[in-house]
C-alpha atoms as a PDB file:
ATOM      1  CA  MET A   1      -0.003   0.000  -0.012  1.00  0.00           C
ATOM      2  CA  THR A   2       1.228   3.519  -0.752  1.00  0.00           C
ATOM      3  CA  LYS A   3       0.329   7.089   0.024  1.00  0.00           C
ATOM      4  CA  ARG A   4       1.032   9.944  -2.364  1.00  0.00           C
ATOM      5  CA  TYR A   5       2.426  13.279  -1.242  1.00  0.00           C
ATOM      6  CA  ASP A   6       3.691  16.438  -2.881  1.00  0.00           C
ATOM      7  CA  ASP A   7       5.559  17.869   0.127  1.00  0.00           C
ATOM      8  CA  PRO A   8       8.783  19.866  -0.237  1.00  0.00           C
ATOM      9  CA  ILE A   9      11.837  18.126   1.248  1.00  0.00           C
ATOM     10  CA  GLU A  10      15.519  18.925   1.723  1.00  0.00           C
ATOM     11  CA  VAL A  11      17.953  16.415   0.286  1.00  0.00           C
ATOM     12  CA  GLU A  12      21.625  15.820   1.055  1.00  0.00           C
ATOM     13  CA  LEU A  13      23.520  14.626  -2.025  1.00  0.00           C
ATOM     14  CA  GLY A  14      26.825  12.805  -2.316  1.00  0.00           C
ATOM     15  CA  GLY A  15      28.668   9.881  -3.736  1.00  0.00           C
ATOM     16  CA  VAL A  16      30.081   9.483  -7.203  1.00  0.00           C
ATOM     17  CA  LEU A  17      26.782  10.123  -9.014  1.00  0.00           C
ATOM     18  CA  GLY A  18      25.430  12.760  -6.631  1.00  0.00           C
ATOM     19  CA  ALA A  19      22.657  10.440  -5.424  1.00  0.00           C
ATOM     20  CA  PRO A  20      20.614  11.281  -2.294  1.00  0.00           C
ATOM     21  CA  LEU A  21      22.304  10.323   0.994  1.00  0.00           C
ATOM     22  CA  ALA A  22      19.615  11.643   3.363  1.00  0.00           C
ATOM     23  CA  PHE A  23      16.487  13.739   3.315  1.00  0.00           C
ATOM     24  CA  ARG A  24      14.608  15.958   5.746  1.00  0.00           C
ATOM     25  CA  TRP A  25      10.823  15.699   5.761  1.00  0.00           C
ATOM     26  CA  ARG A  26       8.368  17.153   8.283  1.00  0.00           C
ATOM     27  CA  GLY A  27      11.153  18.132  10.646  1.00  0.00           C
ATOM     28  CA  ARG A  28      12.876  14.754  10.725  1.00  0.00           C
ATOM     29  CA  ARG A  29      16.104  13.641   9.045  1.00  0.00           C
ATOM     30  CA  TYR A  30      16.053  10.260   7.260  1.00  0.00           C
ATOM     31  CA  PRO A  31      19.456   8.736   6.392  1.00  0.00           C
ATOM     32  CA  ILE A  32      19.118   6.640   3.228  1.00  0.00           C
ATOM     33  CA  ASN A  33      20.163   3.013   3.614  1.00  0.00           C
ATOM     34  CA  ARG A  34      19.821   1.929   0.006  1.00  0.00           C
ATOM     35  CA  LEU A  35      18.851   3.236  -3.426  1.00  0.00           C
ATOM     36  CA  LEU A  36      16.280   0.777  -4.785  1.00  0.00           C
ATOM     37  CA  LYS A  37      15.374   2.317  -8.114  1.00  0.00           C
ATOM     38  CA  TYR A  38      16.065   5.359 -10.306  1.00  0.00           C
ATOM     39  CA  TRP A  39      14.053   6.595 -13.268  1.00  0.00           C
ATOM     40  CA  ARG A  40      13.401   9.757 -15.203  1.00  0.00           C
ATOM     41  CA  GLU A  41      10.073  11.201 -16.300  1.00  0.00           C
ATOM     42  CA  ALA A  42      10.099  13.682 -19.158  1.00  0.00           C
ATOM     43  CA  GLY A  43       7.604  14.870 -21.701  1.00  0.00           C
ATOM     44  CA  GLU A  44       5.418  17.507 -23.278  1.00  0.00           C
ATOM     45  CA  ALA A  45       8.372  19.832 -23.919  1.00  0.00           C
ATOM     46  CA  TRP A  46       6.357  21.599 -26.635  1.00  0.00           C
ATOM     47  CA  ASP A  47       3.992  23.064 -23.997  1.00  0.00           C
ATOM     48  CA  ALA A  48       5.832  25.078 -21.340  1.00  0.00           C
ATOM     49  CA  GLY A  49       2.854  24.890 -18.962  1.00  0.00           C
ATOM     50  CA  ARG A  50       2.741  21.080 -19.036  1.00  0.00           C
ATOM     51  CA  ALA A  51       6.390  20.210 -19.638  1.00  0.00           C
ATOM     52  CA  LYS A  52       8.050  17.912 -17.130  1.00  0.00           C
ATOM     53  CA  ASP A  53      11.564  16.733 -16.506  1.00  0.00           C
ATOM     54  CA  ARG A  54      11.905  14.829 -13.248  1.00  0.00           C
ATOM     55  CA  GLU A  55      14.405  12.475 -11.705  1.00  0.00           C
ATOM     56  CA  CYS A  56      12.858   9.938  -9.335  1.00  0.00           C
ATOM     57  CA  PHE A  57      14.605   7.923  -6.639  1.00  0.00           C
ATOM     58  CA  ARG A  58      13.029   5.057  -4.712  1.00  0.00           C
ATOM     59  CA  VAL A  59      14.999   4.735  -1.488  1.00  0.00           C
ATOM     60  CA  GLU A  60      14.987   2.660   1.658  1.00  0.00           C
ATOM     61  CA  ALA A  61      15.336   4.705   4.824  1.00  0.00           C
ATOM     62  CA  ALA A  62      14.277   4.557   8.471  1.00  0.00           C
ATOM     63  CA  GLY A  63      10.621   3.679   8.666  1.00  0.00           C
ATOM     64  CA  GLY A  64      10.052   2.445   5.121  1.00  0.00           C
ATOM     65  CA  THR A  65      10.446   3.030   1.398  1.00  0.00           C
ATOM     66  CA  TYR A  66      10.122   6.467  -0.130  1.00  0.00           C
ATOM     67  CA  ASP A  67       9.930   7.962  -3.624  1.00  0.00           C
ATOM     68  CA  LEU A  68      11.812  11.239  -3.859  1.00  0.00           C
ATOM     69  CA  ARG A  69      11.374  13.449  -6.905  1.00  0.00           C
ATOM     70  CA  LEU A  70      13.639  16.179  -8.275  1.00  0.00           C
ATOM     71  CA  ASP A  71      11.856  18.638 -10.578  1.00  0.00           C
ATOM     72  CA  ARG A  72      14.548  19.781 -12.961  1.00  0.00           C
ATOM     73  CA  LEU A  73      12.317  22.513 -14.429  1.00  0.00           C
ATOM     74  CA  ALA A  74      11.298  24.136 -11.100  1.00  0.00           C
ATOM     75  CA  GLY A  75      12.425  27.702 -10.684  1.00  0.00           C
ATOM     76  CA  ARG A  76      14.449  28.976  -7.761  1.00  0.00           C
ATOM     77  CA  GLU A  77      11.306  30.171  -5.962  1.00  0.00           C
ATOM     78  CA  LYS A  78       9.997  26.591  -5.619  1.00  0.00           C
ATOM     79  CA  SER A  79      11.446  23.599  -3.845  1.00  0.00           C
ATOM     80  CA  ARG A  80      12.947  21.353  -6.488  1.00  0.00           C
ATOM     81  CA  TRP A  81      12.817  18.218  -4.301  1.00  0.00           C
ATOM     82  CA  ARG A  82       9.478  16.667  -3.304  1.00  0.00           C
ATOM     83  CA  MET A  83       8.264  13.657  -1.340  1.00  0.00           C
ATOM     84  CA  ALA A  84       6.257  11.829  -3.981  1.00  0.00           C
ATOM     85  CA  ARG A  85       5.198   8.597  -2.269  1.00  0.00           C
ATOM     86  CA  VAL A  86       5.610   6.534   0.901  1.00  0.00           C
ATOM     87  CA  TRP A  87       5.344   2.730   0.668  1.00  0.00           C
ATOM     88  CA  ASP A  88       4.080   0.655   3.586  1.00  0.00           C
END
């Protein structure tokens, strides 16, 4: 079972590929134990209002499995990292 979110998060990056090492969500820091999956979502580049370019990371951290999303098209005024989903 999963629950979808669209909450802003802070992400600590590192390693050779700059993958997430930890994230902060709702006032708590979650160290990442393992990267489970990576994928990219892109499309509709012809329509600036609907265009998307996102990097998605499914990670295992304290308390469960989480999908973190980096919006590569977000401007500086918005949080680029979001909590997308929590898996039970």
